[in-house]
């Protein structure tokens, strides 16, 4: 949109309202004079990291899922696969290891030789 909020040419207004995305990065935004952090901005992807968009915290609603993962019990025969049950579960420990190169958490935890999580943050 231009400075008056109107679309330019054949552009169409688009809203992410009621869309579910994934936060891929949290950025501290300092005040204009370079002082302390005044708020956080969130980079959110809606298409598996092909593109991401920046939102402020007041533009987002955080939903904490009851389960991170699902186990599916599937009966297979020669002609079809029948899902008999889906069971959700949440992994609470160990915490995922932070990837300092890409500035996000790995989807797994790395453990040392004693079985303790490696913290790289």
Foldseek 3Di string as FASTA:
>chain_A
DPPVPDDPDPDDDDDCPPQDWAFFAKAFDCPPVPDDGPFIWTWTDRPVPPHTDIDTPVVDDDDDDPADDKDWDWDDDPPDIHTPDIDGHHDDPDDFEADPVSGGGDPHFDADPVRHTDHPD
